[in-house]
C-alpha cells in the first residue's frame, strides 16, 4: 500500500499520481486554496438563483427540456432526478481502479472552482477514495459527449447514499457502504447532479490508466525488439545514429538509441555471417517503434490537459460573477487521441509477431525449427505464434476509430457525440492483448538465445533473459504453453523485466 498523499488543486495531477491513487492506494487530500475556490464559486450560483436568473440545469430542465423553467423549490428534486434518469449503463462492472479514477478525476475537476457545487461534494468524493467506497459502475452506455453521463450517474448515486458500491471487497447498497465507511451521504442542491455527471472523467480516467500501462509496455516492446535483433544476429547498421538524426523524428531517434544500448557489445551480433541488410521488421525497428513513442507522448499531453481542465456544464466564473452554458463536456480531444494511441499500440503487437515468426522459421533465423529440437516429435513454440496472430488480428479490428461515429440523441439536441467511452475500452483491450504478444516474443527470444550459446547477447538482452529463465525453464520437450505465456506476461505487466534491464543499461527513454 502506497502511503503517498496526492493533494488536489485542480491542476498538476499526473499520470503517476492517478496510478498511485487508483492502483497503489495513495491517499487523497484537497488543497485549502481549492476548497476556497469551490466555496467562492458556489456563491455565484446561489446569488443568481435568488435573483431569478434562468440557469440551464438549475432553474431549467436539461437537454431538450432546457426550454422548461424549474422553480427554485424544485431545484433539489431536479438534481436527484437527473442522477436517476441518467443511470442507464449496462454491461460488466468496471474494475475498482477505473471506479477510483472516476472519483479522483471528478474531484480534481471540481477543485478548479467552476462547477458551482458546494465543497461537500468534493469532500465526499475524496472521503470515498480514502475509505474505499467504490461505486458499482457498468462499462457501457456513455457517448462521451455531455460527458460520461451514465457511468458517472452510477457514481453519483452512491454519493447520495443510493445505488450500489463495493466496500472491503463486498458489494452492497450504496447506503450500506457509506454507513460502514462512516461517510454521510449528500442531499444534492442546485447544479450538483450535473456537477457530478456532466464531464469526461470515466473515459479520461480509463485512458490515463491505459497510458500508464502503455508506457511500461513500450519499454517491454523495445526490450523484445532488442532481444530479437540479438538472437537472430541481425545486421545493426540501420541503428547508426546518423541515419536517424537526418530524418528528424524524435521517437525514431530515441528508439534507435535505446536499441543500441540494449545490444551494445553483443557477441551474438558479432557472430553475424555477413548479412548486408535485414528484412524491414528488423532493419526498420526504430522507424516502426518510434512513431508509437511519439504518440504516447502526445496522448499523455492531451490526457493531462483534460485531467487538469474543466469539463462541465454550465460553468460559473467567480471573478466575473457570470454563468455560461457551453460544451466543455464534449470528449472529442480525448476520444480522438485514444483512437490514435490504439492504432499506435497495435503496431507494437504487429512488429512483435513478425519478430517471433522470424525466430521460429529456420530459413529466416538459422535456428532450429520452432526453437526446439526433437526431429519432428516436438512442435516447440509453433502455436504460441498462433496466439500472437489471433491477438494481432483482434487488435486490427479494435483499431477502427470510435470517434468517427456519431448517433444523434436527445431529440437532436445532442447531435454530435464522440463515442469516447468505446475508445477507452478498446484502447485498454489492445494494450492487454499487446502485453501478451510482446511476452510471447520475449519468451521466444529467450529460447533463441539458448541456441546461440556460448555467445552472449547485449547487456539489456542478457538482463531480460535472466529474469525470464529465473521463472521459466528452457523448453526442451513439448509441454502446455499457456502457463509459460502467463508467467512471462506477468513479468511484462509487473515491470520485472524492465526493472532488470534498466539496472543493466540505465533508464530506457521514451
Foldseek 3Di string as FASTA:
>chain_A
DDAAEAEAQLADQALVNLCCLLPVVYAYHYDPLLLVLQALLLVLVVVCLVVVNQFQLQQFAHFVRNVHGHHQVCRLVSLLVLLVVQQDADAAWDDQSLQLQLLVLLLNQSSVNWQNFHSLSSVLSSLCSNQVWGFGFHQDDALLFLARQNRLSSVLQLLQLAHWTDGPRDIDGSVVRCVVSVHDRDRGHGRVSQSRGRAHRSLLSLVSNLLVLVVLLLLLLLLLLLLLCQLLLFDLPLLPLVNVVVVPQPLLSLSSVLSCLQFPPFQSNVPDDDDPHADCLNSVVSVLSRVLVVLSVVLSVLSSCRSSHHRGPFTTDSVVSDIDGDTSRARLSNLVSLLVNLVSLLSSLVSLLVSLVQLQDCVNRVAPHLLEDDPPQANHCVCVSVLSVVLSVVSVVLSPRQQVDADADSVNSRGHHRSSSSSSVSSNSSSLSSLLSSLSSLLSSLSSVVVVPPTGGRQLNVQLSVVLCVQDPHCHHDDDCPVSSVVSSVCSRVVVSVVRSCVRRNHRDD
